[in-house]
Amino acid sequence: MTSCPRCRADQSHCREEWQGLESGKLVWTVWHCTRCSFTWRDTEPPRSIDYAVREAFFRVDPDRPENYGQIIPPAGTRD
């Protein structure tokens, strides 16, 4: 297992959500980060799941939400 590809949270914040099996053999695992709520499959390309390769725009620091590129309002609210 690795750290979160979105916020770099360590293993203690990453939990296994699901395992994909094919003929009884493990072929992929879905992980979820409890720190930033990112979910990923470990077989995705490095540009999606490798923090060092991932575009900076898609990285987050959960301790600094004011730096997020876009804030989405709660469902059901309108201006």
C-alpha atoms as a PDB file:
ATOM      1  CA  MET A   1       0.000   0.000   0.000  1.00  0.00           C
ATOM      2  CA  THR A   2       1.000   3.576  -0.515  1.00  0.00           C
ATOM      3  CA  SER A   3       0.146   7.035   0.691  1.00  0.00           C
ATOM      4  CA  CYS A   4      -2.719   9.082  -0.744  1.00  0.00           C
ATOM      5  CA  PRO A   5      -1.936  10.311  -4.270  1.00  0.00           C
ATOM      6  CA  ARG A   6      -4.009  13.449  -3.709  1.00  0.00           C
ATOM      7  CA  CYS A   7      -2.937  14.774  -0.277  1.00  0.00           C
ATOM      8  CA  ARG A   8       0.028  12.548   0.639  1.00  0.00           C
ATOM      9  CA  ALA A   9      -1.696  11.245   3.777  1.00  0.00           C
ATOM     10  CA  ASP A  10       0.161   8.286   5.217  1.00  0.00           C
ATOM     11  CA  GLN A  11      -1.078   4.698   5.309  1.00  0.00           C
ATOM     12  CA  SER A  12      -3.013   5.223   8.518  1.00  0.00           C
ATOM     13  CA  HIS A  13      -5.480   7.438   6.589  1.00  0.00           C
ATOM     14  CA  CYS A  14      -5.843   5.091   3.608  1.00  0.00           C
ATOM     15  CA  ARG A  15      -8.271   2.220   3.885  1.00  0.00           C
ATOM     16  CA  GLU A  16      -8.995  -0.622   1.540  1.00  0.00           C
ATOM     17  CA  GLU A  17     -12.530  -0.334   0.172  1.00  0.00           C
ATOM     18  CA  TRP A  18     -12.792  -3.149  -2.344  1.00  0.00           C
ATOM     19  CA  GLN A  19     -10.752  -5.817  -4.086  1.00  0.00           C
ATOM     20  CA  GLY A  20     -11.307  -6.779  -7.699  1.00  0.00           C
ATOM     21  CA  LEU A  21     -10.902 -10.493  -8.261  1.00  0.00           C
ATOM     22  CA  GLU A  22     -10.630 -12.357 -11.528  1.00  0.00           C
ATOM     23  CA  SER A  23     -10.749 -16.145 -11.365  1.00  0.00           C
ATOM     24  CA  GLY A  24     -10.015 -15.866  -7.644  1.00  0.00           C
ATOM     25  CA  LYS A  25      -6.871 -13.789  -8.238  1.00  0.00           C
ATOM     26  CA  LEU A  26      -6.530 -10.217  -6.898  1.00  0.00           C
ATOM     27  CA  VAL A  27      -6.209  -7.853  -9.888  1.00  0.00           C
ATOM     28  CA  TRP A  28      -6.897  -4.436  -8.315  1.00  0.00           C
ATOM     29  CA  THR A  29      -7.802  -2.739  -5.049  1.00  0.00           C
ATOM     30  CA  VAL A  30      -9.889   0.388  -4.440  1.00  0.00           C
ATOM     31  CA  TRP A  31      -8.463   2.651  -1.718  1.00  0.00           C
ATOM     32  CA  HIS A  32     -10.062   5.583   0.105  1.00  0.00           C
ATOM     33  CA  CYS A  33      -8.285   8.400   1.943  1.00  0.00           C
ATOM     34  CA  THR A  34     -10.122   9.395   5.115  1.00  0.00           C
ATOM     35  CA  ARG A  35      -8.188  12.673   5.220  1.00  0.00           C
ATOM     36  CA  CYS A  36      -9.190  14.200   1.854  1.00  0.00           C
ATOM     37  CA  SER A  37     -11.947  11.771   0.708  1.00  0.00           C
ATOM     38  CA  PHE A  38     -10.102  10.760  -2.457  1.00  0.00           C
ATOM     39  CA  THR A  39     -10.815   7.264  -3.787  1.00  0.00           C
ATOM     40  CA  TRP A  40      -8.634   5.461  -6.338  1.00  0.00           C
ATOM     41  CA  ARG A  41      -7.923   2.087  -7.860  1.00  0.00           C
ATOM     42  CA  ASP A  42      -4.311   0.961  -7.595  1.00  0.00           C
ATOM     43  CA  THR A  43      -4.168   0.044 -11.306  1.00  0.00           C
ATOM     44  CA  GLU A  44      -4.845   3.591 -12.546  1.00  0.00           C
ATOM     45  CA  PRO A  45      -2.061   5.345 -14.516  1.00  0.00           C
ATOM     46  CA  PRO A  46       0.684   7.198 -12.604  1.00  0.00           C
ATOM     47  CA  ARG A  47      -0.655  10.608 -13.713  1.00  0.00           C
ATOM     48  CA  SER A  48      -3.705   9.813 -11.580  1.00  0.00           C
ATOM     49  CA  ILE A  49      -2.256   8.001  -8.566  1.00  0.00           C
ATOM     50  CA  ASP A  50       1.400   9.023  -8.213  1.00  0.00           C
ATOM     51  CA  TYR A  51       1.694  12.258  -6.213  1.00  0.00           C
ATOM     52  CA  ALA A  52       5.054  13.064  -7.835  1.00  0.00           C
ATOM     53  CA  VAL A  53       3.586  12.768 -11.364  1.00  0.00           C
ATOM     54  CA  ARG A  54       0.085  14.093 -10.661  1.00  0.00           C
ATOM     55  CA  GLU A  55      -0.555  17.674 -11.833  1.00  0.00           C
ATOM     56  CA  ALA A  56      -0.217  20.181  -8.985  1.00  0.00           C
ATOM     57  CA  PHE A  57      -3.746  21.486  -9.669  1.00  0.00           C
ATOM     58  CA  PHE A  58      -5.146  18.140  -8.500  1.00  0.00           C
ATOM     59  CA  ARG A  59      -3.149  17.959  -5.261  1.00  0.00           C
ATOM     60  CA  VAL A  60      -4.744  19.150  -2.026  1.00  0.00           C
ATOM     61  CA  ASP A  61      -3.728  19.969   1.522  1.00  0.00           C
ATOM     62  CA  PRO A  62      -6.722  19.189   3.778  1.00  0.00           C
ATOM     63  CA  ASP A  63      -5.309  21.559   6.393  1.00  0.00           C
ATOM     64  CA  ARG A  64      -5.541  24.479   3.912  1.00  0.00           C
ATOM     65  CA  PRO A  65      -9.001  24.345   2.256  1.00  0.00           C
ATOM     66  CA  GLU A  66      -8.705  28.020   1.315  1.00  0.00           C
ATOM     67  CA  ASN A  67      -6.180  26.911  -1.324  1.00  0.00           C
ATOM     68  CA  TYR A  68      -8.617  24.609  -3.114  1.00  0.00           C
ATOM     69  CA  GLY A  69      -9.141  25.628  -6.717  1.00  0.00           C
ATOM     70  CA  GLN A  70     -12.945  25.516  -6.586  1.00  0.00           C
ATOM     71  CA  ILE A  71     -15.446  25.328  -3.764  1.00  0.00           C
ATOM     72  CA  ILE A  72     -18.667  23.491  -4.567  1.00  0.00           C
ATOM     73  CA  PRO A  73     -21.725  24.658  -2.611  1.00  0.00           C
ATOM     74  CA  PRO A  74     -23.808  22.107  -0.709  1.00  0.00           C
ATOM     75  CA  ALA A  75     -26.534  20.411  -2.764  1.00  0.00           C
ATOM     76  CA  GLY A  76     -29.832  22.242  -2.879  1.00  0.00           C
ATOM     77  CA  THR A  77     -28.431  25.753  -2.412  1.00  0.00           C
ATOM     78  CA  ARG A  78     -28.794  28.492  -5.003  1.00  0.00           C
ATOM     79  CA  ASP A  79     -27.905  32.135  -5.238  1.00  0.00           C
END
